[in-house]
C-alpha atoms as a PDB file:
ATOM      1  CA  MET A   1     186.653  31.796 119.246  1.00  0.00           C
ATOM      2  CA  THR A   2     185.721  30.164 122.042  1.00  0.00           C
ATOM      3  CA  LYS A   3     185.332  26.474 122.103  1.00  0.00           C
ATOM      4  CA  ARG A   4     181.254  26.601 122.267  1.00  0.00           C
ATOM      5  CA  LEU A   5     181.120  28.931 118.881  1.00  0.00           C
ATOM      6  CA  LEU A   6     184.102  26.255 117.504  1.00  0.00           C
ATOM      7  CA  GLN A   7     181.656  23.527 117.834  1.00  0.00           C
ATOM      8  CA  THR A   8     178.685  24.708 116.635  1.00  0.00           C
ATOM      9  CA  PHE A   9     180.587  25.857 113.227  1.00  0.00           C
ATOM     10  CA  LEU A  10     182.083  22.442 112.681  1.00  0.00           C
ATOM     11  CA  ARG A  11     178.475  20.486 113.114  1.00  0.00           C
ATOM     12  CA  SER A  12     177.321  23.678 111.116  1.00  0.00           C
ATOM     13  CA  HIS A  13     179.522  22.505 108.814  1.00  0.00           C
ATOM     14  CA  ARG A  14     178.150  18.949 108.601  1.00  0.00           C
ATOM     15  CA  GLY A  15     174.979  19.892 107.910  1.00  0.00           C
ATOM     16  CA  THR A  16     174.284  18.995 111.895  1.00  0.00           C
ATOM     17  CA  GLU A  17     173.773  21.894 113.525  1.00  0.00           C
ATOM     18  CA  PRO A  18     169.296  22.928 114.517  1.00  0.00           C
ATOM     19  CA  LEU A  19     167.847  25.303 111.002  1.00  0.00           C
ATOM     20  CA  TRP A  20     166.779  27.570 113.887  1.00  0.00           C
ATOM     21  CA  LYS A  21     170.774  28.153 115.154  1.00  0.00           C
ATOM     22  CA  ILE A  22     172.355  28.771 111.808  1.00  0.00           C
ATOM     23  CA  TRP A  23     168.901  31.165 110.653  1.00  0.00           C
ATOM     24  CA  TRP A  24     168.541  33.056 113.597  1.00  0.00           C
ATOM     25  CA  ILE A  25     171.514  33.593 116.031  1.00  0.00           C
ATOM     26  CA  CYS A  26     174.038  33.500 113.068  1.00  0.00           C
ATOM     27  CA  GLY A  27     171.806  34.900 110.681  1.00  0.00           C
ATOM     28  CA  ILE A  28     171.165  38.057 111.971  1.00  0.00           C
ATOM     29  CA  PRO A  29     174.968  39.063 112.124  1.00  0.00           C
ATOM     30  CA  VAL A  30     175.561  38.040 108.403  1.00  0.00           C
ATOM     31  CA  ALA A  31     172.168  40.585 108.051  1.00  0.00           C
ATOM     32  CA  TRP A  32     173.140  43.672 109.610  1.00  0.00           C
ATOM     33  CA  LEU A  33     176.799  43.045 108.344  1.00  0.00           C
ATOM     34  CA  THR A  34     175.400  42.967 104.453  1.00  0.00           C
ATOM     35  CA  SER A  35     173.274  45.457 105.377  1.00  0.00           C
ATOM     36  CA  ALA A  36     176.857  47.895 106.113  1.00  0.00           C
ATOM     37  CA  LEU A  37     178.392  46.525 103.655  1.00  0.00           C
ATOM     38  CA  VAL A  38     175.864  47.884 100.967  1.00  0.00           C
ATOM     39  CA  ILE A  39     175.862  51.135 102.658  1.00  0.00           C
ATOM     40  CA  ALA A  40     179.541  51.748 102.770  1.00  0.00           C
ATOM     41  CA  SER A  41     179.562  50.311  98.600  1.00  0.00           C
ATOM     42  CA  GLU A  42     177.334  52.939  98.183  1.00  0.00           C
ATOM     43  CA  ALA A  43     179.581  55.330  99.692  1.00  0.00           C
ATOM     44  CA  ALA A  44     182.740  54.622  98.295  1.00  0.00           C
ATOM     45  CA  ARG A  45     180.722  55.186  94.662  1.00  0.00           C
ATOM     46  CA  VAL A  46     179.720  58.714  95.620  1.00  0.00           C
ATOM     47  CA  ALA A  47     183.082  59.321  97.446  1.00  0.00           C
ATOM     48  CA  ASP A  48     184.412  58.291  93.689  1.00  0.00           C
ATOM     49  CA  HIS A  49     185.623  55.122  95.294  1.00  0.00           C
ATOM     50  CA  PRO A  50     183.780  52.537  92.339  1.00  0.00           C
ATOM     51  CA  VAL A  51     186.196  49.748  92.961  1.00  0.00           C
ATOM     52  CA  ALA A  52     186.556  50.296  96.704  1.00  0.00           C
ATOM     53  CA  GLY A  53     182.627  49.731  96.095  1.00  0.00           C
ATOM     54  CA  ASP A  54     182.749  46.802  93.832  1.00  0.00           C
ATOM     55  CA  TRP A  55     185.177  44.912  96.270  1.00  0.00           C
ATOM     56  CA  LEU A  56     182.712  45.488  99.206  1.00  0.00           C
ATOM     57  CA  ASP A  57     179.918  44.067  97.372  1.00  0.00           C
ATOM     58  CA  VAL A  58     182.308  41.326  96.681  1.00  0.00           C
ATOM     59  CA  LEU A  59     183.315  41.009 100.156  1.00  0.00           C
ATOM     60  CA  ARG A  60     178.860  41.145 100.929  1.00  0.00           C
ATOM     61  CA  ILE A  61     178.102  38.507  98.274  1.00  0.00           C
ATOM     62  CA  LEU A  62     180.925  36.299  99.733  1.00  0.00           C
ATOM     63  CA  ILE A  63     179.556  36.590 103.172  1.00  0.00           C
ATOM     64  CA  TYR A  64     175.974  35.589 102.250  1.00  0.00           C
ATOM     65  CA  VAL A  65     177.337  33.145 100.204  1.00  0.00           C
ATOM     66  CA  ALA A  66     179.202  31.519 103.239  1.00  0.00           C
ATOM     67  CA  TRP A  67     176.398  31.987 105.525  1.00  0.00           C
ATOM     68  CA  ALA A  68     173.451  31.533 102.856  1.00  0.00           C
ATOM     69  CA  ARG A  69     175.765  27.969 102.575  1.00  0.00           C
ATOM     70  CA  LEU A  70     176.282  26.510 106.136  1.00  0.00           C
ATOM     71  CA  ALA A  71     172.289  27.886 105.892  1.00  0.00           C
ATOM     72  CA  TRP A  72     171.367  25.382 103.476  1.00  0.00           C
ATOM     73  CA  GLN A  73     173.637  22.669 104.713  1.00  0.00           C
ATOM     74  CA  CYS A  74     171.617  22.774 107.697  1.00  0.00           C
ATOM     75  CA  ALA A  75     167.883  23.040 105.795  1.00  0.00           C
ATOM     76  CA  HIS A  76     167.535  19.281 107.210  1.00  0.00           C
ATOM     77  CA  ASN A  77     167.430  19.458 110.359  1.00  0.00           C
ATOM     78  CA  ALA A  78     164.132  21.704 111.156  1.00  0.00           C
ATOM     79  CA  GLN A  79     161.354  20.178 114.436  1.00  0.00           C
ATOM     80  CA  ALA A  80     158.829  20.880 110.701  1.00  0.00           C
ATOM     81  CA  GLY A  81     159.544  19.373 107.904  1.00  0.00           C
ATOM     82  CA  ILE A  82     158.133  22.013 105.881  1.00  0.00           C
ATOM     83  CA  TRP A  83     160.564  24.349 106.907  1.00  0.00           C
ATOM     84  CA  THR A  84     163.559  22.693 105.004  1.00  0.00           C
ATOM     85  CA  PRO A  85     161.487  24.252 101.348  1.00  0.00           C
ATOM     86  CA  VAL A  86     160.865  27.070 102.869  1.00  0.00           C
ATOM     87  CA  ALA A  87     164.299  28.222 103.948  1.00  0.00           C
ATOM     88  CA  ARG A  88     165.776  27.268 100.599  1.00  0.00           C
ATOM     89  CA  CYS A  89     163.284  28.574  98.873  1.00  0.00           C
ATOM     90  CA  ALA A  90     164.415  32.387 100.825  1.00  0.00           C
ATOM     91  CA  LEU A  91     168.143  31.266 100.765  1.00  0.00           C
ATOM     92  CA  ALA A  92     167.874  31.161  96.621  1.00  0.00           C
ATOM     93  CA  ALA A  93     165.555  34.586  96.700  1.00  0.00           C
ATOM     94  CA  GLY A  94     168.237  35.656  99.177  1.00  0.00           C
ATOM     95  CA  PHE A  95     170.989  35.084  95.894  1.00  0.00           C
ATOM     96  CA  ILE A  96     168.957  36.428  93.969  1.00  0.00           C
ATOM     97  CA  VAL A  97     168.423  39.678  95.595  1.00  0.00           C
ATOM     98  CA  MET A  98     172.274  40.239  96.825  1.00  0.00           C
ATOM     99  CA  TYR A  99     172.993  39.747  93.028  1.00  0.00           C
ATOM    100  CA  LEU A 100     170.042  42.991  91.698  1.00  0.00           C
ATOM    101  CA  VAL A 101     171.666  44.842  94.925  1.00  0.00           C
END
């Protein structure tokens, strides 16, 4: 892990990183990864491996929760104050979608 990436992670863990960095730079790869895990878990179920599909779902939810925690902590670091409640509502909606999918 590069020093710069580690510093970004530590700042986001403390809630001092700007929201846009966590939302866009980290959120897009998280979205790709969770989407791939949805596809992989469904493929595992179709291939008659339901336990593997369940574990992939657990992994997907854990990845989303880890990212959402960082985004929630950094939500107050937006330039415009309106983005804090918007981001937190979107994160809550994401939890619902993760549960339903």
